[in-house]
Amino acid sequence: MLLDGQNWRLEQIINNLKYSNMNDNYYGNGKPSTPKKDNSGTNYSSKQQAGELARKQFERLIYDSVWIVNGADEKLVIYAEEAGKFMAKSGLTNSKIRSIYGEIKRIQMGEFEKEKSSFYLLKPKVAYALGRDDKNEGLILFKLIFDKCSADVKDKKTYINFCNFVEAILAYHKANGGKD
């Protein structure tokens, strides 16, 4: 849930990005170039700008490692809702994260201690998915969150809490129009 001041600030950041892109789209001949677009229709003049909105959203959302160590609380639900909504509106599709989610569930079905190496290999899978679509703001946010919360997984209990956290985000992603 955004407060009025936060909503205004987010709009201000978005407008600043739009207007800064306008200045970057001239080659010096007085004619605007065609801006690059990602799957969500967002204009980018450089790869660096592509993740800026996702990074700002990640900074605005306040992650608490207690959610992985001890389990969910009311704040986790708010976090998951905001993250899932951003991911859906930013063009993240279920197909982009299906293999990652499938592997998360497969590990959950087995014994965590035996599947620990598979868990550690999820991080490169997420990086690979982002490498294939490095301008997708929703996927960038997913990777930022994944990297942060996966670092708190130490045993079966924390892995189950990690799974619940990721599932909550993906449920809100789907609820807010996340496409296949």
N, C-alpha and C. Protein backbone atom coordinates (compact mmCIF):
# COMPACT_ATOMS: atom_id res chain seq x y z
N MET A 1 0.85 -1.17 0.00
CA MET A 1 0.00 0.00 0.00
C MET A 1 0.89 1.24 0.00
N LEU A 2 0.71 2.10 -0.97
CA LEU A 2 1.49 3.33 -1.05
C LEU A 2 0.78 4.46 -0.32
N LEU A 3 1.55 5.22 0.43
CA LEU A 3 1.02 6.42 1.05
C LEU A 3 0.99 7.51 -0.01
N ASP A 4 0.19 8.55 0.20
CA ASP A 4 0.07 9.61 -0.79
C ASP A 4 1.43 10.20 -1.15
N GLY A 5 2.27 10.43 -0.18
CA GLY A 5 3.60 10.98 -0.42
C GLY A 5 4.46 10.03 -1.23
N GLN A 6 4.37 8.74 -0.95
CA GLN A 6 5.14 7.74 -1.70
C GLN A 6 4.63 7.66 -3.13
N ASN A 7 3.32 7.72 -3.31
CA ASN A 7 2.73 7.66 -4.64
C ASN A 7 3.22 8.84 -5.46
N TRP A 8 3.21 10.02 -4.87
CA TRP A 8 3.67 11.21 -5.54
C TRP A 8 5.14 11.07 -5.90
N ARG A 9 5.95 10.55 -4.98
CA ARG A 9 7.40 10.40 -5.21
C ARG A 9 7.66 9.41 -6.34
N LEU A 10 6.93 8.31 -6.38
CA LEU A 10 7.10 7.32 -7.43
C LEU A 10 6.74 7.93 -8.79
N GLU A 11 5.66 8.70 -8.85
CA GLU A 11 5.28 9.38 -10.09
C GLU A 11 6.36 10.37 -10.52
N GLN A 12 6.94 11.06 -9.55
CA GLN A 12 7.98 12.03 -9.85
C GLN A 12 9.21 11.32 -10.44
N ILE A 13 9.58 10.17 -9.88
CA ILE A 13 10.72 9.40 -10.38
C ILE A 13 10.45 8.94 -11.81
N ILE A 14 9.25 8.45 -12.06
CA ILE A 14 8.89 7.98 -13.39
C ILE A 14 8.94 9.12 -14.39
N ASN A 15 8.38 10.28 -14.03
CA ASN A 15 8.41 11.44 -14.94
C ASN A 15 9.84 11.90 -15.21
N ASN A 16 10.68 11.90 -14.18
CA ASN A 16 12.08 12.28 -14.38
C ASN A 16 12.76 11.34 -15.36
N LEU A 17 12.47 10.04 -15.24
CA LEU A 17 13.05 9.07 -16.17
C LEU A 17 12.57 9.33 -17.59
N LYS A 18 11.29 9.61 -17.76
CA LYS A 18 10.74 9.86 -19.09
C LYS A 18 11.41 11.07 -19.73
N TYR A 19 11.52 12.17 -18.97
CA TYR A 19 12.07 13.39 -19.53
C TYR A 19 13.58 13.29 -19.75
N SER A 20 14.28 12.53 -18.90
CA SER A 20 15.72 12.36 -19.13
C SER A 20 15.95 11.52 -20.37
N ASN A 21 15.07 10.56 -20.65
CA ASN A 21 15.18 9.75 -21.87
C ASN A 21 14.98 10.60 -23.11
N MET A 22 14.10 11.61 -23.04
CA MET A 22 13.85 12.46 -24.20
C MET A 22 15.13 13.15 -24.64
N ASN A 23 15.93 13.62 -23.69
CA ASN A 23 17.17 14.31 -24.01
C ASN A 23 18.20 13.37 -24.59
N ASP A 24 18.17 12.09 -24.19
CA ASP A 24 19.12 11.10 -24.67
C ASP A 24 18.80 10.61 -26.07
N ASN A 25 17.64 10.90 -26.60
CA ASN A 25 17.20 10.32 -27.86
C ASN A 25 17.52 11.19 -29.07
N TYR A 26 18.47 12.07 -28.96
CA TYR A 26 18.88 12.90 -30.08
C TYR A 26 20.32 12.55 -30.45
N TYR A 27 20.56 12.39 -31.73
CA TYR A 27 21.91 12.08 -32.19
C TYR A 27 22.67 13.34 -32.61
N GLY A 28 22.11 14.48 -32.41
CA GLY A 28 22.78 15.71 -32.78
C GLY A 28 22.30 16.25 -34.11
N ASN A 29 21.41 15.53 -34.80
CA ASN A 29 20.92 16.00 -36.08
C ASN A 29 19.57 16.70 -35.94
N GLY A 30 19.14 16.91 -34.71
CA GLY A 30 17.89 17.61 -34.47
C GLY A 30 16.66 16.73 -34.58
N LYS A 31 16.85 15.46 -34.91
CA LYS A 31 15.71 14.55 -35.03
C LYS A 31 15.77 13.50 -33.92
N PRO A 32 14.64 13.24 -33.32
CA PRO A 32 14.65 12.23 -32.26
C PRO A 32 14.87 10.83 -32.84
N SER A 33 15.61 10.01 -32.08
CA SER A 33 15.77 8.62 -32.47
C SER A 33 14.59 7.83 -31.94
N THR A 34 14.45 6.62 -32.39
CA THR A 34 13.38 5.76 -31.88
C THR A 34 13.89 5.12 -30.59
N PRO A 35 13.23 5.39 -29.47
CA PRO A 35 13.70 4.81 -28.21
C PRO A 35 13.50 3.30 -28.20
N LYS A 36 14.41 2.59 -27.50
CA LYS A 36 14.29 1.15 -27.35
C LYS A 36 13.19 0.85 -26.35
N LYS A 37 12.49 -0.25 -26.58
CA LYS A 37 11.42 -0.64 -25.66
C LYS A 37 11.63 -2.07 -25.22
N ASP A 38 11.19 -2.38 -24.01
CA ASP A 38 11.20 -3.76 -23.55
C ASP A 38 9.81 -4.34 -23.72
N ASN A 39 9.60 -5.55 -23.19
CA ASN A 39 8.31 -6.22 -23.32
C ASN A 39 7.16 -5.47 -22.67
N SER A 40 7.45 -4.66 -21.67
CA SER A 40 6.38 -3.94 -21.00
C SER A 40 6.08 -2.60 -21.67
N GLY A 41 6.84 -2.24 -22.72
CA GLY A 41 6.59 -1.00 -23.43
C GLY A 41 7.34 0.18 -22.84
N THR A 42 8.19 -0.03 -21.85
CA THR A 42 8.94 1.04 -21.22
C THR A 42 10.11 1.45 -22.11
N ASN A 43 10.33 2.75 -22.27
CA ASN A 43 11.43 3.25 -23.09
C ASN A 43 12.72 3.27 -22.29
N TYR A 44 13.83 2.87 -22.95
CA TYR A 44 15.14 2.90 -22.32
C TYR A 44 16.15 3.44 -23.31
N SER A 45 17.04 4.28 -22.83
CA SER A 45 18.10 4.76 -23.70
C SER A 45 19.39 4.02 -23.41
N SER A 46 19.46 3.26 -22.32
CA SER A 46 20.65 2.48 -22.03
C SER A 46 20.28 1.30 -21.15
N LYS A 47 21.17 0.32 -21.16
CA LYS A 47 20.96 -0.87 -20.35
C LYS A 47 20.94 -0.51 -18.86
N GLN A 48 21.74 0.45 -18.47
CA GLN A 48 21.83 0.85 -17.07
C GLN A 48 20.49 1.37 -16.56
N GLN A 49 19.77 2.12 -17.37
CA GLN A 49 18.49 2.67 -16.95
C GLN A 49 17.42 1.60 -16.82
N ALA A 50 17.60 0.49 -17.51
CA ALA A 50 16.58 -0.56 -17.54
C ALA A 50 16.19 -1.03 -16.16
N GLY A 51 17.11 -1.18 -15.25
CA GLY A 51 16.79 -1.70 -13.93
C GLY A 51 16.54 -0.64 -12.88
N GLU A 52 16.53 0.61 -13.28
CA GLU A 52 16.42 1.69 -12.31
C GLU A 52 15.09 1.65 -11.54
N LEU A 53 13.99 1.45 -12.24
CA LEU A 53 12.69 1.40 -11.55
C LEU A 53 12.62 0.22 -10.60
N ALA A 54 13.14 -0.92 -11.03
CA ALA A 54 13.12 -2.11 -10.17
C ALA A 54 13.99 -1.89 -8.93
N ARG A 55 15.13 -1.27 -9.11
CA ARG A 55 16.01 -1.00 -7.96
C ARG A 55 15.37 -0.01 -6.99
N LYS A 56 14.70 0.99 -7.53
CA LYS A 56 13.99 1.95 -6.67
C LYS A 56 12.87 1.25 -5.90
N GLN A 57 12.14 0.36 -6.59
CA GLN A 57 11.06 -0.38 -5.94
C GLN A 57 11.65 -1.29 -4.84
N PHE A 58 12.76 -1.94 -5.15
CA PHE A 58 13.42 -2.82 -4.17
C PHE A 58 13.84 -2.04 -2.93
N GLU A 59 14.38 -0.85 -3.14
CA GLU A 59 14.79 0.00 -2.01
C GLU A 59 13.58 0.47 -1.21
N ARG A 60 12.48 0.74 -1.89
CA ARG A 60 11.27 1.21 -1.21
C ARG A 60 10.64 0.10 -0.37
N LEU A 61 10.63 -1.10 -0.91
CA LEU A 61 10.12 -2.24 -0.16
C LEU A 61 11.16 -2.60 0.89
N ILE A 62 10.72 -2.83 2.10
CA ILE A 62 11.68 -3.11 3.16
C ILE A 62 11.61 -4.58 3.53
N TYR A 63 12.65 -5.32 3.09
CA TYR A 63 12.75 -6.75 3.35
C TYR A 63 13.16 -6.99 4.80
N ASP A 64 12.58 -8.02 5.42
CA ASP A 64 12.92 -8.39 6.79
C ASP A 64 13.31 -9.86 6.81
N SER A 65 14.54 -10.15 7.18
CA SER A 65 15.03 -11.53 7.20
C SER A 65 14.27 -12.40 8.20
N VAL A 66 13.53 -11.79 9.10
CA VAL A 66 12.71 -12.54 10.05
C VAL A 66 11.69 -13.41 9.31
N TRP A 67 11.25 -12.97 8.13
CA TRP A 67 10.27 -13.75 7.36
C TRP A 67 10.83 -15.10 6.95
N ILE A 68 12.12 -15.18 6.71
CA ILE A 68 12.75 -16.44 6.32
C ILE A 68 13.17 -17.21 7.57
N VAL A 69 13.68 -16.54 8.56
CA VAL A 69 14.17 -17.20 9.78
C VAL A 69 13.02 -17.71 10.63
N ASN A 70 11.98 -16.89 10.85
CA ASN A 70 10.90 -17.26 11.77
C ASN A 70 9.56 -17.54 11.10
N GLY A 71 9.33 -17.03 9.93
CA GLY A 71 8.06 -17.25 9.23
C GLY A 71 7.34 -15.95 8.93
N ALA A 72 6.22 -16.09 8.25
CA ALA A 72 5.46 -14.95 7.74
C ALA A 72 4.80 -14.15 8.86
N ASP A 73 4.60 -12.88 8.57
CA ASP A 73 3.79 -12.00 9.41
C ASP A 73 3.01 -11.06 8.49
N GLU A 74 2.31 -10.12 9.08
CA GLU A 74 1.47 -9.20 8.32
C GLU A 74 2.27 -8.36 7.32
N LYS A 75 3.48 -7.97 7.71
CA LYS A 75 4.30 -7.14 6.83
C LYS A 75 4.76 -7.91 5.59
N LEU A 76 4.97 -9.22 5.72
CA LEU A 76 5.35 -10.02 4.57
C LEU A 76 4.26 -9.97 3.52
N VAL A 77 3.01 -10.05 3.95
CA VAL A 77 1.89 -10.04 3.01
C VAL A 77 1.85 -8.71 2.25
N ILE A 78 2.07 -7.62 2.94
CA ILE A 78 2.10 -6.30 2.30
C ILE A 78 3.26 -6.22 1.30
N TYR A 79 4.41 -6.71 1.72
CA TYR A 79 5.59 -6.72 0.85
C TYR A 79 5.31 -7.55 -0.40
N ALA A 80 4.78 -8.75 -0.22
CA ALA A 80 4.49 -9.65 -1.34
C ALA A 80 3.49 -9.02 -2.30
N GLU A 81 2.49 -8.34 -1.75
CA GLU A 81 1.48 -7.71 -2.60
C GLU A 81 2.10 -6.61 -3.46
N GLU A 82 2.90 -5.75 -2.86
CA GLU A 82 3.53 -4.66 -3.60
C GLU A 82 4.52 -5.19 -4.64
N ALA A 83 5.31 -6.18 -4.25
CA ALA A 83 6.29 -6.75 -5.19
C ALA A 83 5.58 -7.46 -6.34
N GLY A 84 4.58 -8.27 -6.04
CA GLY A 84 3.84 -8.99 -7.08
C GLY A 84 3.14 -8.05 -8.04
N LYS A 85 2.57 -6.99 -7.51
CA LYS A 85 1.88 -6.00 -8.35
C LYS A 85 2.88 -5.33 -9.29
N PHE A 86 4.03 -4.93 -8.77
CA PHE A 86 5.06 -4.29 -9.59
C PHE A 86 5.52 -5.24 -10.70
N MET A 87 5.76 -6.50 -10.33
CA MET A 87 6.23 -7.48 -11.31
C MET A 87 5.20 -7.68 -12.43
N ALA A 88 3.93 -7.77 -12.07
CA ALA A 88 2.88 -7.96 -13.07
C ALA A 88 2.78 -6.76 -14.00
N LYS A 89 2.83 -5.57 -13.44
CA LYS A 89 2.69 -4.35 -14.25
C LYS A 89 3.95 -4.06 -15.07
N SER A 90 5.06 -4.70 -14.71
CA SER A 90 6.33 -4.45 -15.40
C SER A 90 6.66 -5.50 -16.46
N GLY A 91 5.71 -6.36 -16.76
CA GLY A 91 5.91 -7.28 -17.87
C GLY A 91 6.49 -8.63 -17.54
N LEU A 92 6.62 -8.98 -16.27
CA LEU A 92 7.12 -10.32 -15.93
C LEU A 92 6.04 -11.34 -16.23
N THR A 93 6.38 -12.35 -17.01
CA THR A 93 5.43 -13.41 -17.34
C THR A 93 5.75 -14.66 -16.54
N ASN A 94 4.74 -15.50 -16.35
CA ASN A 94 4.94 -16.76 -15.64
C ASN A 94 5.97 -17.63 -16.34
N SER A 95 5.98 -17.60 -17.65
CA SER A 95 6.91 -18.45 -18.39
C SER A 95 8.37 -18.09 -18.11
N LYS A 96 8.64 -16.84 -17.79
CA LYS A 96 10.02 -16.42 -17.51
C LYS A 96 10.54 -17.00 -16.19
N ILE A 97 9.65 -17.31 -15.27
CA ILE A 97 10.10 -17.82 -13.97
C ILE A 97 9.57 -19.22 -13.67
N ARG A 98 8.92 -19.84 -14.64
CA ARG A 98 8.32 -21.17 -14.44
C ARG A 98 9.37 -22.21 -14.04
N SER A 99 10.50 -22.26 -14.73
CA SER A 99 11.50 -23.28 -14.42
C SER A 99 12.10 -23.06 -13.03
N ILE A 100 12.26 -21.81 -12.65
CA ILE A 100 12.80 -21.49 -11.33
C ILE A 100 11.81 -21.92 -10.25
N TYR A 101 10.55 -21.55 -10.43
CA TYR A 101 9.52 -21.92 -9.46
C TYR A 101 9.37 -23.44 -9.38
N GLY A 102 9.43 -24.13 -10.53
CA GLY A 102 9.34 -25.58 -10.55
C GLY A 102 10.46 -26.22 -9.75
N GLU A 103 11.66 -25.69 -9.89
CA GLU A 103 12.80 -26.21 -9.14
C GLU A 103 12.66 -25.92 -7.64
N ILE A 104 12.15 -24.76 -7.30
CA ILE A 104 11.90 -24.43 -5.89
C ILE A 104 10.94 -25.46 -5.28
N LYS A 105 9.86 -25.77 -6.00
CA LYS A 105 8.87 -26.75 -5.51
C LYS A 105 9.46 -28.17 -5.45
N ARG A 106 10.29 -28.53 -6.45
CA ARG A 106 10.89 -29.86 -6.45
C ARG A 106 11.79 -30.05 -5.23
N ILE A 107 12.57 -29.04 -4.92
CA ILE A 107 13.45 -29.09 -3.74
C ILE A 107 12.60 -29.19 -2.47
N GLN A 108 11.50 -28.46 -2.43
CA GLN A 108 10.62 -28.47 -1.26
C GLN A 108 10.04 -29.87 -1.03
N MET A 109 9.77 -30.61 -2.10
CA MET A 109 9.20 -31.96 -1.98
C MET A 109 10.22 -32.96 -1.43
N GLY A 110 11.48 -32.72 -1.66
CA GLY A 110 12.52 -33.63 -1.20
C GLY A 110 13.04 -33.24 0.17
N GLU A 111 14.18 -33.82 0.52
CA GLU A 111 14.84 -33.48 1.77
C GLU A 111 15.82 -32.35 1.50
N PHE A 112 15.68 -31.27 2.24
CA PHE A 112 16.49 -30.07 1.96
C PHE A 112 17.99 -30.38 2.01
N GLU A 113 18.43 -31.14 3.00
CA GLU A 113 19.86 -31.43 3.13
C GLU A 113 20.41 -32.14 1.90
N LYS A 114 19.61 -33.02 1.30
CA LYS A 114 20.04 -33.74 0.10
C LYS A 114 19.96 -32.85 -1.14
N GLU A 115 19.11 -31.85 -1.10
CA GLU A 115 18.87 -30.97 -2.24
C GLU A 115 19.57 -29.63 -2.12
N LYS A 116 20.45 -29.48 -1.13
CA LYS A 116 21.10 -28.21 -0.88
C LYS A 116 21.85 -27.68 -2.11
N SER A 117 22.55 -28.56 -2.81
CA SER A 117 23.29 -28.10 -3.99
C SER A 117 22.34 -27.59 -5.06
N SER A 118 21.17 -28.23 -5.19
CA SER A 118 20.17 -27.74 -6.16
C SER A 118 19.68 -26.36 -5.76
N PHE A 119 19.53 -26.15 -4.46
CA PHE A 119 19.11 -24.82 -3.98
C PHE A 119 20.15 -23.77 -4.35
N TYR A 120 21.43 -24.07 -4.12
CA TYR A 120 22.48 -23.10 -4.44
C TYR A 120 22.54 -22.80 -5.93
N LEU A 121 22.14 -23.76 -6.76
CA LEU A 121 22.17 -23.57 -8.21
C LEU A 121 20.97 -22.78 -8.73
N LEU A 122 20.03 -22.46 -7.85
CA LEU A 122 18.91 -21.62 -8.26
C LEU A 122 19.38 -20.20 -8.58
N LYS A 123 20.36 -19.72 -7.85
CA LYS A 123 20.85 -18.35 -8.07
C LYS A 123 21.36 -18.16 -9.50
N PRO A 124 22.20 -19.07 -10.03
CA PRO A 124 22.60 -18.90 -11.43
C PRO A 124 21.44 -19.05 -12.41
N LYS A 125 20.43 -19.87 -12.07
CA LYS A 125 19.26 -20.00 -12.96
C LYS A 125 18.51 -18.68 -13.05
N VAL A 126 18.37 -17.99 -11.93
CA VAL A 126 17.71 -16.69 -11.92
C VAL A 126 18.53 -15.70 -12.73
N ALA A 127 19.85 -15.73 -12.56
CA ALA A 127 20.73 -14.83 -13.31
C ALA A 127 20.63 -15.10 -14.82
N TYR A 128 20.54 -16.37 -15.19
CA TYR A 128 20.40 -16.75 -16.60
C TYR A 128 19.09 -16.21 -17.17
N ALA A 129 18.01 -16.38 -16.42
CA ALA A 129 16.70 -15.88 -16.88
C ALA A 129 16.77 -14.37 -17.12
N LEU A 130 17.42 -13.67 -16.21
CA LEU A 130 17.56 -12.21 -16.36
C LEU A 130 18.46 -11.88 -17.54
N GLY A 131 19.50 -12.67 -17.76
CA GLY A 131 20.39 -12.44 -18.89
C GLY A 131 19.67 -12.54 -20.23
N ARG A 132 18.63 -13.35 -20.29
CA ARG A 132 17.86 -13.51 -21.53
C ARG A 132 16.89 -12.35 -21.75
N ASP A 133 16.56 -11.63 -20.69
CA ASP A 133 15.62 -10.50 -20.79
C ASP A 133 16.03 -9.44 -19.77
N ASP A 134 17.18 -8.83 -20.00
CA ASP A 134 17.81 -7.96 -18.99
C ASP A 134 17.16 -6.59 -18.83
N LYS A 135 16.12 -6.30 -19.59
CA LYS A 135 15.44 -5.01 -19.44
C LYS A 135 14.06 -5.16 -18.82
N ASN A 136 13.71 -6.36 -18.40
CA ASN A 136 12.40 -6.61 -17.81
C ASN A 136 12.44 -6.21 -16.34
N GLU A 137 11.80 -5.08 -16.02
CA GLU A 137 11.83 -4.54 -14.66
C GLU A 137 11.30 -5.55 -13.63
N GLY A 138 10.25 -6.29 -13.98
CA GLY A 138 9.70 -7.28 -13.06
C GLY A 138 10.68 -8.39 -12.75
N LEU A 139 11.40 -8.84 -13.75
CA LEU A 139 12.40 -9.89 -13.56
C LEU A 139 13.60 -9.37 -12.77
N ILE A 140 13.96 -8.13 -13.01
CA ILE A 140 15.04 -7.52 -12.23
C ILE A 140 14.66 -7.48 -10.76
N LEU A 141 13.43 -7.06 -10.47
CA LEU A 141 12.98 -7.03 -9.08
C LEU A 141 12.96 -8.44 -8.49
N PHE A 142 12.47 -9.42 -9.26
CA PHE A 142 12.46 -10.80 -8.77
C PHE A 142 13.87 -11.24 -8.39
N LYS A 143 14.86 -10.95 -9.22
CA LYS A 143 16.24 -11.35 -8.92
C LYS A 143 16.76 -10.65 -7.68
N LEU A 144 16.49 -9.36 -7.55
CA LEU A 144 16.94 -8.63 -6.36
C LEU A 144 16.36 -9.24 -5.08
N ILE A 145 15.07 -9.54 -5.12
CA ILE A 145 14.42 -10.14 -3.95
C ILE A 145 14.96 -11.55 -3.72
N PHE A 146 15.07 -12.34 -4.79
CA PHE A 146 15.56 -13.70 -4.66
C PHE A 146 16.95 -13.72 -4.04
N ASP A 147 17.85 -12.89 -4.54
CA ASP A 147 19.22 -12.85 -4.02
C ASP A 147 19.24 -12.49 -2.54
N LYS A 148 18.40 -11.55 -2.16
CA LYS A 148 18.36 -11.09 -0.76
C LYS A 148 17.82 -12.19 0.17
N CYS A 149 16.67 -12.77 -0.19
CA CYS A 149 16.04 -13.72 0.73
C CYS A 149 16.70 -15.10 0.69
N SER A 150 17.28 -15.50 -0.43
CA SER A 150 17.92 -16.82 -0.49
C SER A 150 19.17 -16.88 0.40
N ALA A 151 19.78 -15.73 0.65
CA ALA A 151 20.95 -15.68 1.53
C ALA A 151 20.60 -16.05 2.97
N ASP A 152 19.33 -15.95 3.34
CA ASP A 152 18.89 -16.26 4.71
C ASP A 152 18.50 -17.72 4.90
N VAL A 153 18.52 -18.51 3.83
CA VAL A 153 18.15 -19.92 3.93
C VAL A 153 19.34 -20.71 4.44
N LYS A 154 19.11 -21.44 5.56
CA LYS A 154 20.18 -22.21 6.19
C LYS A 154 19.82 -23.68 6.42
N ASP A 155 18.53 -23.97 6.52
CA ASP A 155 18.09 -25.32 6.84
C ASP A 155 16.68 -25.54 6.28
N LYS A 156 16.09 -26.70 6.59
CA LYS A 156 14.78 -27.03 6.05
C LYS A 156 13.71 -26.02 6.46
N LYS A 157 13.72 -25.61 7.73
CA LYS A 157 12.72 -24.66 8.22
C LYS A 157 12.80 -23.33 7.45
N THR A 158 14.00 -22.81 7.30
CA THR A 158 14.15 -21.54 6.60
C THR A 158 13.85 -21.70 5.11
N TYR A 159 14.12 -22.89 4.56
CA TYR A 159 13.78 -23.12 3.15
C TYR A 159 12.26 -23.12 2.95
N ILE A 160 11.53 -23.72 3.86
CA ILE A 160 10.06 -23.72 3.76
C ILE A 160 9.54 -22.29 3.86
N ASN A 161 10.09 -21.49 4.76
CA ASN A 161 9.69 -20.09 4.87
C ASN A 161 10.03 -19.32 3.59
N PHE A 162 11.18 -19.63 2.99
CA PHE A 162 11.58 -19.03 1.72
C PHE A 162 10.55 -19.38 0.63
N CYS A 163 10.16 -20.64 0.57
CA CYS A 163 9.16 -21.08 -0.41
C CYS A 163 7.84 -20.33 -0.22
N ASN A 164 7.40 -20.21 1.02
CA ASN A 164 6.16 -19.49 1.32
C ASN A 164 6.25 -18.03 0.88
N PHE A 165 7.40 -17.42 1.10
CA PHE A 165 7.62 -16.03 0.72
C PHE A 165 7.54 -15.86 -0.80
N VAL A 166 8.27 -16.71 -1.54
CA VAL A 166 8.26 -16.63 -2.99
C VAL A 166 6.86 -16.91 -3.54
N GLU A 167 6.18 -17.91 -2.97
CA GLU A 167 4.82 -18.23 -3.41
C GLU A 167 3.86 -17.07 -3.19
N ALA A 168 4.02 -16.36 -2.08
CA ALA A 168 3.15 -15.21 -1.80
C ALA A 168 3.36 -14.12 -2.86
N ILE A 169 4.60 -13.87 -3.21
CA ILE A 169 4.90 -12.86 -4.24
C ILE A 169 4.30 -13.29 -5.58
N LEU A 170 4.51 -14.55 -5.95
CA LEU A 170 4.02 -15.03 -7.24
C LEU A 170 2.49 -15.10 -7.27
N ALA A 171 1.86 -15.36 -6.13
CA ALA A 171 0.39 -15.34 -6.06
C ALA A 171 -0.14 -13.94 -6.33
N TYR A 172 0.48 -12.94 -5.74
CA TYR A 172 0.07 -11.55 -6.00
C TYR A 172 0.42 -11.12 -7.43
N HIS A 173 1.50 -11.65 -7.96
CA HIS A 173 1.85 -11.39 -9.36
C HIS A 173 0.71 -11.86 -10.26
N LYS A 174 0.25 -13.08 -10.04
CA LYS A 174 -0.84 -13.64 -10.85
C LYS A 174 -2.14 -12.87 -10.60
N ALA A 175 -2.43 -12.55 -9.35
CA ALA A 175 -3.65 -11.84 -9.00
C ALA A 175 -3.73 -10.45 -9.64
N ASN A 176 -2.57 -9.88 -9.91
CA ASN A 176 -2.52 -8.54 -10.50
C ASN A 176 -2.31 -8.56 -12.01
N GLY A 177 -2.61 -9.69 -12.62
CA GLY A 177 -2.58 -9.75 -14.08
C GLY A 177 -1.33 -10.34 -14.68
N GLY A 178 -0.47 -10.99 -13.87
CA GLY A 178 0.70 -11.66 -14.42
C GLY A 178 0.29 -12.67 -15.47
N LYS A 179 0.87 -12.57 -16.64
CA LYS A 179 0.46 -13.39 -17.79
C LYS A 179 1.34 -14.63 -17.91
N ASP A 180 0.82 -15.59 -18.67
CA ASP A 180 1.59 -16.82 -18.97
C ASP A 180 2.55 -16.59 -20.10
